[in-house]
Amino acid sequence: MFYALLAIAALMIIGEIFSAMANRRVRREGFGSEKWDTAHRWRWILGVPFVILSVFITYPMAGDTAGYTVVGFPLMVTAFDEAGHDYVGPFTAPSFLANALIWYFLPQIMLFIWARAPKPSGK
């Protein structure tokens, strides 16, 4: 499962970079609607709530001898066993920072999808 989550993180980072470049091109060439342009200007502020909420993402994971509650998605930041003991390591801080960046740039993917959505043809 660890490798699947690592792959999700890598795909999100690649998607966010690709989306940011495509969104910059849409903005520069004027293909976005007025609402899209407004959202694009506010994308940095829109990412802050995602970062705050990412701290509260937890999910259960079975271990060899006990169950754990894992904090952090897509990268595991820490784990707590059933007794409440935490398990941290040298990758705790980098994983937390990487998760924060992934969630902070998530609006880029949303804007990318919005820019490619079919435009209504009626008046």
N, C-alpha and C. Protein backbone atom coordinates (compact mmCIF):
# COMPACT_ATOMS: atom_id res chain seq x y z
N MET A 1 0.82 -1.19 0.00
CA MET A 1 0.00 0.00 0.00
C MET A 1 0.86 1.26 0.00
N PHE A 2 2.02 1.15 0.66
CA PHE A 2 2.92 2.30 0.71
C PHE A 2 3.32 2.74 -0.69
N TYR A 3 3.64 1.78 -1.55
CA TYR A 3 4.08 2.13 -2.90
C TYR A 3 2.94 2.71 -3.73
N ALA A 4 1.71 2.24 -3.48
CA ALA A 4 0.56 2.80 -4.19
C ALA A 4 0.35 4.26 -3.79
N LEU A 5 0.48 4.56 -2.50
CA LEU A 5 0.34 5.94 -2.05
C LEU A 5 1.47 6.82 -2.58
N LEU A 6 2.66 6.27 -2.65
CA LEU A 6 3.78 7.01 -3.21
C LEU A 6 3.55 7.31 -4.69
N ALA A 7 2.97 6.34 -5.41
CA ALA A 7 2.65 6.55 -6.82
C ALA A 7 1.57 7.62 -6.97
N ILE A 8 0.57 7.61 -6.10
CA ILE A 8 -0.47 8.64 -6.13
C ILE A 8 0.15 10.01 -5.90
N ALA A 9 1.04 10.12 -4.94
CA ALA A 9 1.71 11.40 -4.66
C ALA A 9 2.50 11.87 -5.88
N ALA A 10 3.23 10.95 -6.50
CA ALA A 10 4.03 11.33 -7.67
C ALA A 10 3.12 11.77 -8.82
N LEU A 11 2.02 11.05 -9.04
CA LEU A 11 1.10 11.44 -10.11
C LEU A 11 0.44 12.78 -9.83
N MET A 12 0.11 13.05 -8.56
CA MET A 12 -0.47 14.34 -8.22
C MET A 12 0.52 15.47 -8.47
N ILE A 13 1.78 15.26 -8.10
CA ILE A 13 2.79 16.29 -8.32
C ILE A 13 2.98 16.55 -9.80
N ILE A 14 3.08 15.49 -10.60
CA ILE A 14 3.22 15.65 -12.05
C ILE A 14 2.00 16.34 -12.63
N GLY A 15 0.81 15.92 -12.19
CA GLY A 15 -0.42 16.54 -12.68
C GLY A 15 -0.51 18.01 -12.30
N GLU A 16 -0.06 18.35 -11.11
CA GLU A 16 -0.11 19.75 -10.69
C GLU A 16 0.86 20.61 -11.49
N ILE A 17 2.04 20.09 -11.77
CA ILE A 17 3.00 20.84 -12.58
C ILE A 17 2.46 21.04 -13.99
N PHE A 18 1.95 19.97 -14.59
CA PHE A 18 1.37 20.05 -15.93
C PHE A 18 0.18 21.02 -15.94
N SER A 19 -0.67 20.93 -14.93
CA SER A 19 -1.85 21.80 -14.86
C SER A 19 -1.44 23.26 -14.69
N ALA A 20 -0.44 23.52 -13.88
CA ALA A 20 0.01 24.90 -13.67
C ALA A 20 0.53 25.50 -14.97
N MET A 21 1.29 24.72 -15.73
CA MET A 21 1.80 25.23 -17.01
C MET A 21 0.66 25.46 -17.99
N ALA A 22 -0.29 24.53 -18.06
CA ALA A 22 -1.42 24.68 -18.97
C ALA A 22 -2.30 25.86 -18.55
N ASN A 23 -2.51 26.04 -17.26
CA ASN A 23 -3.32 27.15 -16.77
C ASN A 23 -2.66 28.49 -17.08
N ARG A 24 -1.36 28.56 -16.97
CA ARG A 24 -0.64 29.78 -17.31
C ARG A 24 -0.84 30.12 -18.78
N ARG A 25 -0.82 29.10 -19.63
CA ARG A 25 -1.02 29.31 -21.06
C ARG A 25 -2.46 29.77 -21.34
N VAL A 26 -3.44 29.16 -20.67
CA VAL A 26 -4.85 29.57 -20.83
C VAL A 26 -5.02 31.01 -20.40
N ARG A 27 -4.42 31.38 -19.30
CA ARG A 27 -4.53 32.76 -18.79
C ARG A 27 -3.86 33.74 -19.76
N ARG A 28 -2.68 33.40 -20.22
CA ARG A 28 -1.93 34.28 -21.12
C ARG A 28 -2.64 34.47 -22.46
N GLU A 29 -3.25 33.41 -22.97
CA GLU A 29 -3.89 33.49 -24.28
C GLU A 29 -5.36 33.90 -24.19
N GLY A 30 -5.87 34.06 -22.96
CA GLY A 30 -7.22 34.58 -22.78
C GLY A 30 -8.33 33.60 -23.12
N PHE A 31 -8.09 32.30 -22.94
CA PHE A 31 -9.13 31.31 -23.25
C PHE A 31 -10.09 31.07 -22.09
N GLY A 32 -9.74 31.52 -20.89
CA GLY A 32 -10.59 31.29 -19.72
C GLY A 32 -11.72 32.31 -19.65
N SER A 33 -12.80 31.92 -18.98
CA SER A 33 -13.91 32.83 -18.78
C SER A 33 -13.53 33.84 -17.69
N GLU A 34 -14.39 34.81 -17.48
CA GLU A 34 -14.13 35.81 -16.44
C GLU A 34 -14.11 35.16 -15.05
N LYS A 35 -15.02 34.20 -14.82
CA LYS A 35 -15.04 33.50 -13.54
C LYS A 35 -13.78 32.65 -13.37
N TRP A 36 -13.35 32.02 -14.46
CA TRP A 36 -12.13 31.22 -14.39
C TRP A 36 -10.93 32.11 -14.06
N ASP A 37 -10.85 33.28 -14.70
CA ASP A 37 -9.75 34.21 -14.42
C ASP A 37 -9.74 34.64 -12.95
N THR A 38 -10.93 34.89 -12.41
CA THR A 38 -11.02 35.27 -11.00
C THR A 38 -10.54 34.13 -10.11
N ALA A 39 -11.00 32.93 -10.40
CA ALA A 39 -10.56 31.76 -9.62
C ALA A 39 -9.05 31.56 -9.76
N HIS A 40 -8.52 31.80 -10.95
CA HIS A 40 -7.08 31.64 -11.17
C HIS A 40 -6.30 32.65 -10.34
N ARG A 41 -6.80 33.87 -10.23
CA ARG A 41 -6.13 34.86 -9.39
C ARG A 41 -6.16 34.48 -7.91
N TRP A 42 -7.22 33.81 -7.48
CA TRP A 42 -7.40 33.45 -6.07
C TRP A 42 -6.92 32.03 -5.76
N ARG A 43 -6.29 31.36 -6.69
CA ARG A 43 -5.92 29.95 -6.50
C ARG A 43 -4.99 29.75 -5.32
N TRP A 44 -4.13 30.71 -5.04
CA TRP A 44 -3.19 30.55 -3.93
C TRP A 44 -3.93 30.57 -2.60
N ILE A 45 -4.93 31.43 -2.49
CA ILE A 45 -5.70 31.49 -1.25
C ILE A 45 -6.62 30.28 -1.14
N LEU A 46 -7.10 29.77 -2.28
CA LEU A 46 -7.96 28.59 -2.27
C LEU A 46 -7.20 27.35 -1.79
N GLY A 47 -5.89 27.32 -1.95
CA GLY A 47 -5.11 26.17 -1.53
C GLY A 47 -4.89 26.08 -0.04
N VAL A 48 -4.98 27.21 0.66
CA VAL A 48 -4.72 27.23 2.11
C VAL A 48 -5.69 26.33 2.89
N PRO A 49 -7.02 26.39 2.63
CA PRO A 49 -7.90 25.48 3.37
C PRO A 49 -7.59 24.00 3.12
N PHE A 50 -7.15 23.67 1.91
CA PHE A 50 -6.77 22.28 1.63
C PHE A 50 -5.58 21.86 2.49
N VAL A 51 -4.61 22.75 2.66
CA VAL A 51 -3.45 22.44 3.50
C VAL A 51 -3.89 22.22 4.94
N ILE A 52 -4.74 23.10 5.44
CA ILE A 52 -5.21 22.98 6.82
C ILE A 52 -5.97 21.67 7.00
N LEU A 53 -6.86 21.36 6.07
CA LEU A 53 -7.65 20.13 6.18
C LEU A 53 -6.79 18.88 6.00
N SER A 54 -5.69 18.98 5.26
CA SER A 54 -4.85 17.81 5.04
C SER A 54 -4.23 17.30 6.33
N VAL A 55 -4.08 18.16 7.31
CA VAL A 55 -3.52 17.75 8.59
C VAL A 55 -4.45 16.76 9.30
N PHE A 56 -5.74 16.83 9.00
CA PHE A 56 -6.73 16.01 9.70
C PHE A 56 -7.10 14.73 8.94
N ILE A 57 -6.43 14.45 7.85
CA ILE A 57 -6.72 13.22 7.09
C ILE A 57 -6.08 12.04 7.81
N THR A 58 -6.91 11.13 8.25
CA THR A 58 -6.42 9.91 8.89
C THR A 58 -7.15 8.71 8.29
N TYR A 59 -6.53 7.57 8.36
CA TYR A 59 -7.16 6.34 7.89
C TYR A 59 -6.53 5.15 8.61
N PRO A 60 -7.31 4.07 8.77
CA PRO A 60 -6.77 2.89 9.46
C PRO A 60 -5.89 2.06 8.53
N MET A 61 -4.93 1.40 9.14
CA MET A 61 -4.07 0.50 8.38
C MET A 61 -3.71 -0.67 9.29
N ALA A 62 -3.81 -1.86 8.76
CA ALA A 62 -3.47 -3.06 9.53
C ALA A 62 -1.97 -3.27 9.50
N GLY A 63 -1.42 -3.60 10.65
CA GLY A 63 -0.01 -3.93 10.75
C GLY A 63 0.17 -5.42 10.98
N ASP A 64 1.40 -5.83 11.25
CA ASP A 64 1.68 -7.24 11.50
C ASP A 64 1.02 -7.74 12.79
N THR A 65 1.08 -6.91 13.82
CA THR A 65 0.55 -7.34 15.11
C THR A 65 -0.60 -6.48 15.61
N ALA A 66 -0.76 -5.28 15.11
CA ALA A 66 -1.79 -4.38 15.60
C ALA A 66 -2.28 -3.48 14.46
N GLY A 67 -3.35 -2.78 14.75
CA GLY A 67 -3.85 -1.82 13.79
C GLY A 67 -3.25 -0.44 14.07
N TYR A 68 -3.16 0.35 13.04
CA TYR A 68 -2.58 1.68 13.15
C TYR A 68 -3.54 2.70 12.57
N THR A 69 -3.43 3.90 13.07
CA THR A 69 -4.11 5.03 12.47
C THR A 69 -3.02 5.88 11.83
N VAL A 70 -3.10 6.03 10.52
CA VAL A 70 -2.08 6.75 9.77
C VAL A 70 -2.57 8.18 9.55
N VAL A 71 -1.66 9.12 9.71
CA VAL A 71 -1.94 10.53 9.47
C VAL A 71 -1.19 10.94 8.22
N GLY A 72 -1.91 11.61 7.30
CA GLY A 72 -1.28 12.12 6.09
C GLY A 72 -1.68 11.34 4.85
N PHE A 73 -2.07 12.09 3.83
CA PHE A 73 -2.40 11.49 2.53
C PHE A 73 -1.97 12.46 1.46
N PRO A 74 -1.33 12.04 0.42
CA PRO A 74 -1.04 10.67 0.02
C PRO A 74 0.20 10.09 0.68
N LEU A 75 1.06 10.92 1.25
CA LEU A 75 2.24 10.40 1.92
C LEU A 75 1.97 10.25 3.41
N MET A 76 2.43 9.15 3.98
CA MET A 76 2.23 8.91 5.41
C MET A 76 3.17 9.82 6.21
N VAL A 77 2.60 10.58 7.12
CA VAL A 77 3.40 11.47 7.96
C VAL A 77 3.78 10.76 9.25
N THR A 78 2.81 10.18 9.92
CA THR A 78 3.04 9.45 11.16
C THR A 78 1.98 8.39 11.31
N ALA A 79 2.19 7.49 12.25
CA ALA A 79 1.21 6.44 12.54
C ALA A 79 1.08 6.29 14.05
N PHE A 80 -0.12 6.00 14.48
CA PHE A 80 -0.39 5.77 15.89
C PHE A 80 -0.92 4.35 16.04
N ASP A 81 -0.37 3.61 17.01
CA ASP A 81 -0.89 2.26 17.23
C ASP A 81 -2.11 2.33 18.14
N GLU A 82 -2.66 1.16 18.46
CA GLU A 82 -3.89 1.11 19.25
C GLU A 82 -3.70 1.66 20.66
N ALA A 83 -2.48 1.65 21.16
CA ALA A 83 -2.19 2.17 22.50
C ALA A 83 -1.95 3.68 22.48
N GLY A 84 -1.88 4.26 21.29
CA GLY A 84 -1.66 5.69 21.18
C GLY A 84 -0.22 6.11 21.01
N HIS A 85 0.69 5.14 20.89
CA HIS A 85 2.10 5.47 20.66
C HIS A 85 2.29 5.90 19.21
N ASP A 86 3.11 6.92 19.03
CA ASP A 86 3.31 7.40 17.66
C ASP A 86 4.61 6.85 17.10
N TYR A 87 4.64 6.76 15.79
CA TYR A 87 5.81 6.27 15.08
C TYR A 87 6.18 7.33 14.04
N VAL A 88 7.27 8.00 14.31
CA VAL A 88 7.79 9.03 13.42
C VAL A 88 9.20 8.63 13.02
N GLY A 89 9.69 9.29 12.01
CA GLY A 89 11.03 8.97 11.54
C GLY A 89 11.61 10.15 10.79
N PRO A 90 12.70 9.92 10.08
CA PRO A 90 13.35 11.01 9.37
C PRO A 90 12.53 11.56 8.21
N PHE A 91 11.51 10.82 7.76
CA PHE A 91 10.69 11.28 6.65
C PHE A 91 9.41 11.98 7.11
N THR A 92 9.23 12.16 8.40
CA THR A 92 8.01 12.79 8.91
C THR A 92 7.89 14.23 8.42
N ALA A 93 8.89 15.04 8.66
CA ALA A 93 8.84 16.45 8.25
C ALA A 93 8.79 16.60 6.73
N PRO A 94 9.64 15.89 5.96
CA PRO A 94 9.53 16.02 4.50
C PRO A 94 8.19 15.54 3.96
N SER A 95 7.63 14.48 4.55
CA SER A 95 6.32 13.99 4.10
C SER A 95 5.23 15.01 4.40
N PHE A 96 5.30 15.62 5.57
CA PHE A 96 4.32 16.65 5.93
C PHE A 96 4.42 17.82 4.96
N LEU A 97 5.62 18.26 4.66
CA LEU A 97 5.81 19.37 3.73
C LEU A 97 5.35 19.00 2.32
N ALA A 98 5.66 17.80 1.88
CA ALA A 98 5.23 17.36 0.54
C ALA A 98 3.71 17.27 0.46
N ASN A 99 3.07 16.74 1.49
CA ASN A 99 1.60 16.70 1.52
C ASN A 99 1.02 18.10 1.48
N ALA A 100 1.60 19.01 2.25
CA ALA A 100 1.11 20.39 2.26
C ALA A 100 1.22 21.01 0.87
N LEU A 101 2.33 20.78 0.19
CA LEU A 101 2.49 21.33 -1.16
C LEU A 101 1.53 20.69 -2.15
N ILE A 102 1.34 19.38 -2.04
CA ILE A 102 0.41 18.69 -2.92
C ILE A 102 -0.99 19.26 -2.77
N TRP A 103 -1.45 19.42 -1.53
CA TRP A 103 -2.80 19.94 -1.30
C TRP A 103 -2.90 21.42 -1.61
N TYR A 104 -1.80 22.17 -1.42
CA TYR A 104 -1.82 23.60 -1.71
C TYR A 104 -1.99 23.86 -3.21
N PHE A 105 -1.39 23.01 -4.03
CA PHE A 105 -1.47 23.20 -5.47
C PHE A 105 -2.63 22.43 -6.11
N LEU A 106 -3.47 21.79 -5.33
CA LEU A 106 -4.63 21.07 -5.87
C LEU A 106 -5.56 21.97 -6.69
N PRO A 107 -5.77 23.24 -6.34
CA PRO A 107 -6.61 24.08 -7.19
C PRO A 107 -6.12 24.19 -8.63
N GLN A 108 -4.84 23.97 -8.87
CA GLN A 108 -4.34 24.00 -10.25
C GLN A 108 -5.01 22.92 -11.09
N ILE A 109 -5.16 21.72 -10.51
CA ILE A 109 -5.80 20.63 -11.25
C ILE A 109 -7.28 20.95 -11.48
N MET A 110 -7.92 21.53 -10.46
CA MET A 110 -9.33 21.90 -10.60
C MET A 110 -9.51 22.94 -11.69
N LEU A 111 -8.63 23.93 -11.74
CA LEU A 111 -8.70 24.96 -12.79
C LEU A 111 -8.43 24.37 -14.17
N PHE A 112 -7.52 23.41 -14.24
CA PHE A 112 -7.22 22.75 -15.50
C PHE A 112 -8.45 22.03 -16.04
N ILE A 113 -9.14 21.31 -15.16
CA ILE A 113 -10.35 20.59 -15.57
C ILE A 113 -11.44 21.59 -15.98
N TRP A 114 -11.59 22.67 -15.22
CA TRP A 114 -12.59 23.69 -15.52
C TRP A 114 -12.31 24.34 -16.88
N ALA A 115 -11.05 24.61 -17.19
CA ALA A 115 -10.71 25.26 -18.45
C ALA A 115 -11.01 24.35 -19.64
N ARG A 116 -10.98 23.05 -19.43
CA ARG A 116 -11.24 22.11 -20.53
C ARG A 116 -12.67 21.61 -20.58
N ALA A 117 -13.50 22.05 -19.63
CA ALA A 117 -14.90 21.64 -19.64
C ALA A 117 -15.61 22.23 -20.85
N PRO A 118 -16.56 21.50 -21.41
CA PRO A 118 -17.29 22.03 -22.57
C PRO A 118 -18.01 23.33 -22.19
N LYS A 119 -17.89 24.30 -23.08
CA LYS A 119 -18.56 25.59 -22.87
C LYS A 119 -20.00 25.49 -23.34
N PRO A 120 -20.94 26.11 -22.60
CA PRO A 120 -22.34 26.09 -23.05
C PRO A 120 -22.47 26.88 -24.35
N SER A 121 -23.19 26.30 -25.28
CA SER A 121 -23.34 26.95 -26.59
C SER A 121 -24.57 27.84 -26.67
N GLY A 122 -25.52 27.67 -25.73
CA GLY A 122 -26.74 28.49 -25.75
C GLY A 122 -26.50 29.85 -25.15
N LYS A 123 -27.53 30.71 -25.29
CA LYS A 123 -27.39 32.07 -24.75
C LYS A 123 -28.04 32.17 -23.41
